[in-house]
C-alpha cells in the first residue's frame, strides 16, 4: 500500500486558522445517533440536508441547559443549529481537489442551540426545557 499523503503545513494552518462568519440559525428535524455524556456532545442524523449537503453532524456540542441524560436516541427532535462557515482560499481549494481528491471550498462548524422533542407523547420533556 502507498504511503498516506501528508497535508502540507500551509494548508493545515489555513484550515486551523479559518475565520468563521456570522452564525446562521437553521432548523432541521432528525434524530440522535449517539450521545456522549462526558463530552456533552451528540451525533445527529437530519432528514433535510444542511448547506454543505450533509445529513449527519458529528460531535455537536450540547448547550449547558440540555442534559445528556434527558435525551433519547432514535426519537424525532427539532434541532436549532447555528451554522458557521469559513471560506477557504482558491489555493487551498485547488490543492485539496488536485492532491487529496477532496472537493471542499469551506469549513463548517455547527453549534446546537436548542433541541425539542417532536413526539406528541413527550410534551412534558419539551415543557421542562422551555422553563429554564
N, C-alpha and C. Protein backbone atom coordinates (compact mmCIF):
# COMPACT_ATOMS: atom_id res chain seq x y z
N UNK A 1 0.84 -1.19 0.00
CA UNK A 1 0.00 0.00 0.00
C UNK A 1 0.88 1.24 0.00
N UNK A 2 0.42 2.28 -0.69
CA UNK A 2 1.17 3.53 -0.77
C UNK A 2 1.13 4.30 0.54
N UNK A 3 2.13 5.13 0.73
CA UNK A 3 2.19 5.95 1.93
C UNK A 3 1.11 7.02 1.86
N UNK A 4 0.43 7.24 2.99
CA UNK A 4 -0.59 8.29 3.04
C UNK A 4 0.05 9.64 2.74
N UNK A 5 -0.61 10.41 1.91
CA UNK A 5 -0.09 11.74 1.57
C UNK A 5 -0.35 12.68 2.75
N UNK A 6 0.68 13.41 3.12
CA UNK A 6 0.53 14.33 4.24
C UNK A 6 0.12 15.71 3.73
N UNK A 7 -0.78 16.34 4.45
CA UNK A 7 -1.23 17.68 4.07
C UNK A 7 -0.15 18.67 4.50
N UNK A 8 0.31 19.54 3.58
CA UNK A 8 1.36 20.50 3.92
C UNK A 8 0.95 21.45 5.04
N UNK A 9 1.93 21.97 5.74
CA UNK A 9 1.69 22.85 6.89
C UNK A 9 0.89 24.09 6.49
N UNK A 10 1.16 24.69 5.32
CA UNK A 10 0.43 25.90 4.92
C UNK A 10 -1.07 25.65 4.76
N UNK A 11 -1.42 24.42 4.31
CA UNK A 11 -2.84 24.06 4.17
C UNK A 11 -3.43 23.84 5.56
N UNK A 12 -2.71 23.10 6.41
CA UNK A 12 -3.17 22.85 7.78
C UNK A 12 -3.38 24.17 8.52
N UNK A 13 -2.41 25.11 8.35
CA UNK A 13 -2.51 26.40 9.05
C UNK A 13 -3.75 27.17 8.62
N UNK A 14 -4.01 27.19 7.30
CA UNK A 14 -5.19 27.94 6.83
C UNK A 14 -6.47 27.32 7.39
N UNK A 15 -6.53 26.02 7.39
CA UNK A 15 -7.73 25.34 7.90
C UNK A 15 -7.88 25.59 9.40
N UNK A 16 -6.76 25.48 10.14
CA UNK A 16 -6.79 25.67 11.59
C UNK A 16 -7.16 27.11 11.95
N UNK A 17 -6.67 28.07 11.18
CA UNK A 17 -6.90 29.49 11.48
C UNK A 17 -8.08 30.08 10.71
N UNK A 18 -8.94 29.24 10.19
CA UNK A 18 -10.08 29.71 9.39
C UNK A 18 -10.93 30.69 10.19
N UNK A 19 -11.35 31.75 9.52
CA UNK A 19 -12.18 32.78 10.16
C UNK A 19 -13.64 32.52 9.80
N UNK A 20 -14.41 32.19 10.83
CA UNK A 20 -15.82 31.89 10.62
C UNK A 20 -16.64 33.17 10.57
N UNK A 21 -17.62 33.17 9.68
CA UNK A 21 -18.52 34.31 9.54
C UNK A 21 -19.58 34.29 10.63
N UNK A 22 -20.58 35.14 10.47
CA UNK A 22 -21.68 35.20 11.44
C UNK A 22 -22.45 33.90 11.42
N UNK A 23 -22.89 33.46 12.61
CA UNK A 23 -23.69 32.23 12.64
C UNK A 23 -25.05 32.44 11.98
N UNK A 24 -25.47 31.43 11.25
CA UNK A 24 -26.79 31.45 10.61
C UNK A 24 -27.61 30.37 11.30
N UNK A 25 -28.75 30.74 11.84
CA UNK A 25 -29.58 29.79 12.56
C UNK A 25 -30.41 28.97 11.57
N UNK A 26 -30.32 27.65 11.69
CA UNK A 26 -31.11 26.76 10.84
C UNK A 26 -31.88 25.78 11.72
N UNK A 27 -33.02 25.35 11.23
CA UNK A 27 -33.84 24.40 11.97
C UNK A 27 -34.05 23.18 11.09
N UNK A 28 -33.77 22.01 11.66
CA UNK A 28 -33.93 20.75 10.94
C UNK A 28 -34.53 19.72 11.88
N UNK A 29 -35.23 18.75 11.31
CA UNK A 29 -35.72 17.64 12.13
C UNK A 29 -34.83 16.44 11.87
N UNK A 30 -34.78 15.57 12.84
CA UNK A 30 -33.96 14.38 12.72
C UNK A 30 -33.93 13.65 14.06
N UNK A 31 -32.92 12.84 14.23
CA UNK A 31 -32.82 12.09 15.49
C UNK A 31 -31.37 11.97 15.91
N UNK A 32 -31.19 11.61 17.17
CA UNK A 32 -29.85 11.48 17.75
C UNK A 32 -29.32 10.08 17.46
N UNK A 33 -28.11 10.01 16.93
CA UNK A 33 -27.45 8.73 16.66
C UNK A 33 -26.66 8.26 17.88
N UNK A 34 -25.97 9.21 18.51
CA UNK A 34 -25.10 8.86 19.64
C UNK A 34 -25.07 10.03 20.63
N UNK A 35 -24.99 9.69 21.91
CA UNK A 35 -24.90 10.71 22.98
C UNK A 35 -23.60 10.47 23.72
N UNK A 36 -22.79 11.53 23.84
CA UNK A 36 -21.51 11.44 24.56
C UNK A 36 -21.65 12.24 25.85
N UNK A 37 -22.06 11.54 26.92
CA UNK A 37 -22.34 12.19 28.21
C UNK A 37 -21.17 13.02 28.72
N UNK A 38 -19.99 12.41 28.80
CA UNK A 38 -18.82 13.09 29.38
C UNK A 38 -18.43 14.32 28.58
N UNK A 39 -18.51 14.23 27.25
CA UNK A 39 -18.08 15.34 26.38
C UNK A 39 -19.18 16.36 26.13
N UNK A 40 -20.42 16.04 26.55
CA UNK A 40 -21.57 16.92 26.30
C UNK A 40 -21.75 17.17 24.80
N UNK A 41 -21.69 16.09 24.01
CA UNK A 41 -21.83 16.17 22.56
C UNK A 41 -22.81 15.11 22.07
N UNK A 42 -23.33 15.34 20.87
CA UNK A 42 -24.18 14.33 20.22
C UNK A 42 -23.81 14.23 18.75
N UNK A 43 -24.13 13.08 18.17
CA UNK A 43 -24.10 12.90 16.72
C UNK A 43 -25.56 12.84 16.31
N UNK A 44 -25.91 13.51 15.21
CA UNK A 44 -27.31 13.51 14.79
C UNK A 44 -27.46 13.22 13.30
N UNK A 45 -28.59 12.62 12.97
CA UNK A 45 -28.98 12.33 11.59
C UNK A 45 -30.16 13.25 11.29
N UNK A 46 -30.03 14.07 10.25
CA UNK A 46 -31.09 15.01 9.90
C UNK A 46 -31.87 14.50 8.69
N UNK A 47 -33.14 14.84 8.63
CA UNK A 47 -33.95 14.45 7.48
C UNK A 47 -33.69 15.36 6.28
N UNK A 48 -33.41 16.63 6.54
CA UNK A 48 -33.14 17.58 5.47
C UNK A 48 -31.66 17.94 5.51
N UNK A 49 -31.01 17.96 4.36
CA UNK A 49 -29.58 18.27 4.30
C UNK A 49 -29.32 19.72 4.72
N UNK A 50 -28.12 19.96 5.26
CA UNK A 50 -27.72 21.31 5.59
C UNK A 50 -26.94 21.89 4.41
N UNK A 51 -26.44 23.11 4.56
CA UNK A 51 -25.86 23.86 3.44
C UNK A 51 -24.82 23.08 2.63
N UNK A 52 -23.96 22.34 3.30
CA UNK A 52 -22.90 21.64 2.56
C UNK A 52 -23.33 20.26 2.06
N UNK A 53 -24.62 19.94 2.21
CA UNK A 53 -25.16 18.69 1.66
C UNK A 53 -25.21 17.52 2.62
N UNK A 54 -24.58 17.65 3.77
CA UNK A 54 -24.57 16.50 4.69
C UNK A 54 -25.87 16.40 5.48
N UNK A 55 -26.15 15.19 5.92
CA UNK A 55 -27.32 14.93 6.75
C UNK A 55 -26.91 14.39 8.12
N UNK A 56 -25.63 14.12 8.30
CA UNK A 56 -25.14 13.64 9.60
C UNK A 56 -24.17 14.68 10.13
N UNK A 57 -24.40 15.12 11.38
CA UNK A 57 -23.48 16.04 12.03
C UNK A 57 -22.92 15.32 13.25
N UNK A 58 -21.61 15.21 13.28
CA UNK A 58 -20.95 14.52 14.39
C UNK A 58 -20.36 15.51 15.37
N UNK A 59 -20.39 15.13 16.66
CA UNK A 59 -19.72 15.91 17.69
C UNK A 59 -20.28 17.30 17.93
N UNK A 60 -21.60 17.45 17.82
CA UNK A 60 -22.22 18.75 18.07
C UNK A 60 -22.29 18.98 19.59
N UNK A 61 -21.78 20.13 20.04
CA UNK A 61 -21.82 20.46 21.46
C UNK A 61 -23.24 20.70 21.92
N UNK A 62 -23.56 20.17 23.10
CA UNK A 62 -24.87 20.43 23.68
C UNK A 62 -24.83 21.73 24.47
N UNK A 63 -25.88 22.54 24.38
CA UNK A 63 -25.93 23.74 25.23
C UNK A 63 -26.00 23.28 26.69
N UNK A 64 -25.50 24.12 27.61
CA UNK A 64 -25.47 23.76 29.03
C UNK A 64 -26.84 23.42 29.60
N UNK A 65 -27.89 24.04 29.05
CA UNK A 65 -29.25 23.83 29.58
C UNK A 65 -29.79 22.43 29.25
N UNK A 66 -29.15 21.72 28.33
CA UNK A 66 -29.62 20.38 27.93
C UNK A 66 -28.72 19.32 28.57
N UNK A 67 -29.34 18.42 29.30
CA UNK A 67 -28.58 17.37 29.97
C UNK A 67 -28.62 16.09 29.12
N UNK A 68 -27.44 15.49 28.87
CA UNK A 68 -27.40 14.27 28.04
C UNK A 68 -28.34 13.18 28.55
N UNK A 69 -28.52 13.08 29.86
CA UNK A 69 -29.38 12.04 30.44
C UNK A 69 -30.84 12.21 30.03
N UNK A 70 -31.23 13.44 29.66
CA UNK A 70 -32.62 13.71 29.26
C UNK A 70 -32.89 13.36 27.80
N UNK A 71 -31.85 13.06 27.04
CA UNK A 71 -32.00 12.82 25.61
C UNK A 71 -32.22 11.35 25.31
N UNK A 72 -32.86 11.09 24.17
CA UNK A 72 -33.09 9.71 23.74
C UNK A 72 -32.65 9.55 22.29
N UNK A 73 -32.04 8.41 22.01
CA UNK A 73 -31.64 8.11 20.63
C UNK A 73 -32.85 7.58 19.88
N UNK A 74 -32.91 7.89 18.58
CA UNK A 74 -33.91 7.29 17.70
C UNK A 74 -35.29 7.92 17.75
N UNK A 75 -35.50 8.98 18.53
CA UNK A 75 -36.79 9.66 18.51
C UNK A 75 -36.60 10.98 17.75
N UNK A 76 -37.69 11.50 17.19
CA UNK A 76 -37.58 12.69 16.34
C UNK A 76 -37.51 13.97 17.18
N UNK A 77 -36.50 14.77 16.88
CA UNK A 77 -36.31 16.07 17.52
C UNK A 77 -36.29 17.15 16.45
N UNK A 78 -36.57 18.37 16.89
CA UNK A 78 -36.33 19.52 16.04
C UNK A 78 -35.05 20.16 16.57
N UNK A 79 -34.04 20.23 15.72
CA UNK A 79 -32.74 20.79 16.10
C UNK A 79 -32.67 22.24 15.62
N UNK A 80 -32.28 23.14 16.52
CA UNK A 80 -31.97 24.51 16.11
C UNK A 80 -30.46 24.61 16.20
N UNK A 81 -29.84 24.91 15.07
CA UNK A 81 -28.38 24.84 14.95
C UNK A 81 -27.85 26.17 14.41
N UNK A 82 -26.77 26.64 15.01
CA UNK A 82 -26.04 27.77 14.43
C UNK A 82 -25.00 27.18 13.49
N UNK A 83 -25.09 27.57 12.23
CA UNK A 83 -24.15 27.10 11.22
C UNK A 83 -23.17 28.23 10.93
N UNK A 84 -21.88 27.94 11.11
CA UNK A 84 -20.84 28.92 10.83
C UNK A 84 -20.00 28.42 9.67
N UNK A 85 -19.65 29.35 8.77
CA UNK A 85 -18.91 28.98 7.57
C UNK A 85 -17.64 29.80 7.46
N UNK A 86 -16.53 29.12 7.14
CA UNK A 86 -15.25 29.81 6.91
C UNK A 86 -14.78 29.42 5.51
N UNK A 87 -14.84 30.36 4.56
CA UNK A 87 -14.40 30.04 3.20
C UNK A 87 -12.89 29.79 3.15
N UNK A 88 -12.48 28.92 2.26
CA UNK A 88 -11.06 28.63 2.06
C UNK A 88 -10.54 29.39 0.84
N UNK A 89 -9.23 29.63 0.80
CA UNK A 89 -8.65 30.35 -0.33
C UNK A 89 -8.65 29.46 -1.58
N UNK A 90 -8.58 30.09 -2.76
CA UNK A 90 -8.53 29.34 -4.02
C UNK A 90 -7.37 28.36 -4.03
N UNK A 91 -6.22 28.79 -3.49
CA UNK A 91 -5.02 27.97 -3.46
C UNK A 91 -5.27 26.67 -2.67
N UNK A 92 -5.91 26.78 -1.51
CA UNK A 92 -6.20 25.60 -0.69
C UNK A 92 -7.26 24.72 -1.36
N UNK A 93 -8.29 25.35 -1.92
CA UNK A 93 -9.35 24.59 -2.61
C UNK A 93 -8.74 23.75 -3.74
N UNK A 94 -7.89 24.39 -4.55
CA UNK A 94 -7.25 23.68 -5.66
C UNK A 94 -6.33 22.57 -5.17
N UNK A 95 -5.57 22.84 -4.11
CA UNK A 95 -4.67 21.81 -3.57
C UNK A 95 -5.48 20.59 -3.10
N UNK A 96 -6.52 20.84 -2.32
CA UNK A 96 -7.34 19.73 -1.79
C UNK A 96 -7.95 18.91 -2.92
N UNK A 97 -8.41 19.60 -3.97
CA UNK A 97 -9.05 18.92 -5.09
C UNK A 97 -8.03 18.08 -5.88
N UNK A 98 -6.90 18.70 -6.26
CA UNK A 98 -5.90 18.03 -7.11
C UNK A 98 -5.12 16.96 -6.35
N UNK A 99 -4.59 17.33 -5.18
CA UNK A 99 -3.67 16.45 -4.47
C UNK A 99 -4.34 15.44 -3.54
N UNK A 100 -5.46 15.84 -2.95
CA UNK A 100 -6.10 14.99 -1.94
C UNK A 100 -7.44 14.41 -2.42
N UNK A 101 -7.90 14.85 -3.59
CA UNK A 101 -9.19 14.44 -4.13
C UNK A 101 -10.34 14.73 -3.15
N UNK A 102 -10.25 15.91 -2.54
CA UNK A 102 -11.28 16.37 -1.61
C UNK A 102 -11.91 17.60 -2.23
N UNK A 103 -13.22 17.55 -2.43
CA UNK A 103 -13.93 18.68 -3.02
C UNK A 103 -14.53 19.51 -1.88
N UNK A 104 -13.81 20.55 -1.46
CA UNK A 104 -14.23 21.32 -0.30
C UNK A 104 -13.85 22.78 -0.51
N UNK A 105 -14.81 23.70 -0.34
CA UNK A 105 -14.50 25.12 -0.52
C UNK A 105 -14.65 25.93 0.75
N UNK A 106 -15.08 25.27 1.83
CA UNK A 106 -15.27 25.98 3.09
C UNK A 106 -15.25 24.97 4.23
N UNK A 107 -15.05 25.50 5.43
CA UNK A 107 -15.13 24.68 6.64
C UNK A 107 -16.40 25.11 7.36
N UNK A 108 -17.11 24.15 7.88
CA UNK A 108 -18.35 24.44 8.61
C UNK A 108 -18.20 24.02 10.06
N UNK A 109 -18.84 24.80 10.91
CA UNK A 109 -18.88 24.46 12.32
C UNK A 109 -20.34 24.56 12.72
N UNK A 110 -20.79 23.60 13.53
CA UNK A 110 -22.20 23.58 13.91
C UNK A 110 -22.33 23.59 15.42
N UNK A 111 -23.18 24.48 15.92
CA UNK A 111 -23.43 24.59 17.35
C UNK A 111 -24.92 24.40 17.59
N UNK A 112 -25.24 23.43 18.41
CA UNK A 112 -26.63 23.19 18.75
C UNK A 112 -27.09 24.26 19.73
N UNK A 113 -28.16 24.97 19.41
CA UNK A 113 -28.66 25.99 20.33
C UNK A 113 -29.93 25.54 21.04
N UNK A 114 -30.69 24.65 20.41
CA UNK A 114 -31.90 24.15 21.06
C UNK A 114 -32.30 22.82 20.46
N UNK A 115 -33.04 22.06 21.22
CA UNK A 115 -33.45 20.73 20.84
C UNK A 115 -34.84 20.51 21.41
N UNK A 116 -35.80 20.18 20.55
CA UNK A 116 -37.15 19.93 21.05
C UNK A 116 -37.66 18.61 20.54
N UNK A 117 -38.22 17.85 21.45
CA UNK A 117 -38.80 16.56 21.12
C UNK A 117 -40.04 16.78 20.26
N UNK A 118 -40.12 16.09 19.13
CA UNK A 118 -41.27 16.26 18.23
C UNK A 118 -42.39 15.27 18.56
N UNK A 119 -42.06 14.26 19.33
CA UNK A 119 -43.01 13.21 19.67
C UNK A 119 -44.14 13.78 20.53
N UNK A 120 -45.40 13.59 20.11
CA UNK A 120 -46.54 14.15 20.84
C UNK A 120 -46.68 13.56 22.25
N UNK A 121 -46.23 12.34 22.45
CA UNK A 121 -46.33 11.71 23.77
C UNK A 121 -45.32 12.30 24.76
N UNK A 122 -44.39 13.11 24.27
CA UNK A 122 -43.30 13.59 25.13
C UNK A 122 -43.37 15.09 25.37
N UNK A 123 -44.57 15.65 25.42
CA UNK A 123 -44.71 17.09 25.61
C UNK A 123 -44.07 17.57 26.91
N UNK A 124 -44.08 16.75 27.95
CA UNK A 124 -43.53 17.17 29.24
C UNK A 124 -42.05 17.49 29.15
N UNK A 125 -41.27 16.74 28.37
CA UNK A 125 -39.83 16.99 28.23
C UNK A 125 -39.58 18.34 27.57
N UNK A 126 -40.36 18.67 26.56
CA UNK A 126 -40.19 19.95 25.85
C UNK A 126 -40.55 21.11 26.77
N UNK A 127 -41.59 20.92 27.61
CA UNK A 127 -42.00 21.99 28.53
C UNK A 127 -40.92 22.24 29.57
N UNK A 128 -40.30 21.19 30.10
CA UNK A 128 -39.23 21.34 31.08
C UNK A 128 -38.10 22.20 30.51
N UNK A 129 -37.73 21.96 29.25
CA UNK A 129 -36.63 22.70 28.62
C UNK A 129 -36.98 24.17 28.48
N UNK A 130 -38.24 24.48 28.13
CA UNK A 130 -38.59 25.86 27.87
C UNK A 130 -38.74 26.67 29.16
N UNK A 131 -38.86 26.01 30.32
CA UNK A 131 -38.98 26.72 31.60
C UNK A 131 -37.65 27.29 32.05
N UNK A 132 -36.53 26.74 31.58
CA UNK A 132 -35.21 27.19 32.05
C UNK A 132 -34.84 28.53 31.51
